[in-house]
Amino acid sequence: MALQLKVTLVRSAINRSESQKRTVKGLGLTKLHRSAVHPDNDAIRGMIRKVQHLVTVEPVE
């Protein structure tokens, strides 16, 4: 079974760079405290690292 990551938006993307706003949207996060589940791969990890100050991440089986 592949490990997945649950990503939750905990801080707003207002007053952030356009690149960070697009990354948050690309992760499927639109409103605060909403979550999205993604496969654990290098592309998703890179997106999370770019906005790590705005999100929390937890593993999901």
C-alpha atoms as a PDB file:
ATOM      1  CA  MET A   1       0.000   0.000   0.000  1.00  0.00           C
ATOM      2  CA  ALA A   2       1.417   3.389  -0.979  1.00  0.00           C
ATOM      3  CA  LEU A   3       1.820   5.990   1.714  1.00  0.00           C
ATOM      4  CA  GLN A   4      -0.163   9.180   1.241  1.00  0.00           C
ATOM      5  CA  LEU A   5       0.095  12.629   2.758  1.00  0.00           C
ATOM      6  CA  LYS A   6      -2.762  14.691   4.176  1.00  0.00           C
ATOM      7  CA  VAL A   7      -2.009  18.387   3.633  1.00  0.00           C
ATOM      8  CA  THR A   8      -4.022  20.999   5.564  1.00  0.00           C
ATOM      9  CA  LEU A   9      -3.942  24.759   4.976  1.00  0.00           C
ATOM     10  CA  VAL A  10      -3.447  26.458   8.354  1.00  0.00           C
ATOM     11  CA  ARG A  11      -2.292  29.941   7.293  1.00  0.00           C
ATOM     12  CA  SER A  12      -3.675  32.176   4.575  1.00  0.00           C
ATOM     13  CA  ALA A  13      -1.945  32.736   1.247  1.00  0.00           C
ATOM     14  CA  ILE A  14      -2.946  36.412   1.276  1.00  0.00           C
ATOM     15  CA  ASN A  15       0.085  38.721   0.899  1.00  0.00           C
ATOM     16  CA  ARG A  16       2.225  35.832  -0.371  1.00  0.00           C
ATOM     17  CA  SER A  17       3.992  35.682  -3.686  1.00  0.00           C
ATOM     18  CA  GLU A  18       2.012  34.634  -6.746  1.00  0.00           C
ATOM     19  CA  SER A  19       4.145  31.511  -6.974  1.00  0.00           C
ATOM     20  CA  GLN A  20       3.167  30.427  -3.458  1.00  0.00           C
ATOM     21  CA  LYS A  21      -0.511  31.155  -4.140  1.00  0.00           C
ATOM     22  CA  ARG A  22      -0.389  28.946  -7.246  1.00  0.00           C
ATOM     23  CA  THR A  23       1.364  26.193  -5.305  1.00  0.00           C
ATOM     24  CA  VAL A  24      -1.342  26.227  -2.610  1.00  0.00           C
ATOM     25  CA  LYS A  25      -4.014  26.059  -5.301  1.00  0.00           C
ATOM     26  CA  GLY A  26      -2.093  23.285  -7.060  1.00  0.00           C
ATOM     27  CA  LEU A  27      -2.213  21.273  -3.848  1.00  0.00           C
ATOM     28  CA  GLY A  28      -6.007  21.574  -3.974  1.00  0.00           C
ATOM     29  CA  LEU A  29      -6.262  23.855  -0.944  1.00  0.00           C
ATOM     30  CA  THR A  30      -8.795  26.659  -1.233  1.00  0.00           C
ATOM     31  CA  LYS A  31      -9.914  27.601   2.292  1.00  0.00           C
ATOM     32  CA  LEU A  32      -8.341  27.529   5.731  1.00  0.00           C
ATOM     33  CA  HIS A  33      -8.476  24.222   7.618  1.00  0.00           C
ATOM     34  CA  ARG A  34      -9.391  22.276   4.483  1.00  0.00           C
ATOM     35  CA  SER A  35      -7.348  19.198   3.677  1.00  0.00           C
ATOM     36  CA  ALA A  36      -6.303  17.308   0.582  1.00  0.00           C
ATOM     37  CA  VAL A  37      -4.741  13.853   0.322  1.00  0.00           C
ATOM     38  CA  HIS A  38      -1.895  13.345  -2.143  1.00  0.00           C
ATOM     39  CA  PRO A  39       0.482  10.484  -2.966  1.00  0.00           C
ATOM     40  CA  ASP A  40       3.883  10.706  -1.314  1.00  0.00           C
ATOM     41  CA  ASN A  41       6.185  11.519  -4.231  1.00  0.00           C
ATOM     42  CA  ASP A  42       8.966  13.992  -4.980  1.00  0.00           C
ATOM     43  CA  ALA A  43       6.742  16.456  -6.837  1.00  0.00           C
ATOM     44  CA  ILE A  44       4.254  16.766  -3.984  1.00  0.00           C
ATOM     45  CA  ARG A  45       7.066  16.950  -1.412  1.00  0.00           C
ATOM     46  CA  GLY A  46       8.614  19.822  -3.363  1.00  0.00           C
ATOM     47  CA  MET A  47       5.305  21.700  -3.429  1.00  0.00           C
ATOM     48  CA  ILE A  48       4.867  21.167   0.307  1.00  0.00           C
ATOM     49  CA  ARG A  49       8.410  22.371   1.002  1.00  0.00           C
ATOM     50  CA  LYS A  50       7.720  25.570  -0.927  1.00  0.00           C
ATOM     51  CA  VAL A  51       4.733  26.461   1.277  1.00  0.00           C
ATOM     52  CA  GLN A  52       5.724  24.627   4.459  1.00  0.00           C
ATOM     53  CA  HIS A  53       5.034  27.734   6.537  1.00  0.00           C
ATOM     54  CA  LEU A  54       1.370  27.703   5.424  1.00  0.00           C
ATOM     55  CA  VAL A  55       0.477  24.015   5.739  1.00  0.00           C
ATOM     56  CA  THR A  56       0.648  21.050   8.066  1.00  0.00           C
ATOM     57  CA  VAL A  57       1.347  17.561   6.801  1.00  0.00           C
ATOM     58  CA  GLU A  58       0.523  14.174   8.281  1.00  0.00           C
ATOM     59  CA  PRO A  59       0.913  10.669   6.845  1.00  0.00           C
ATOM     60  CA  VAL A  60      -2.161   8.646   5.902  1.00  0.00           C
ATOM     61  CA  GLU A  61      -2.203   4.902   5.333  1.00  0.00           C
END
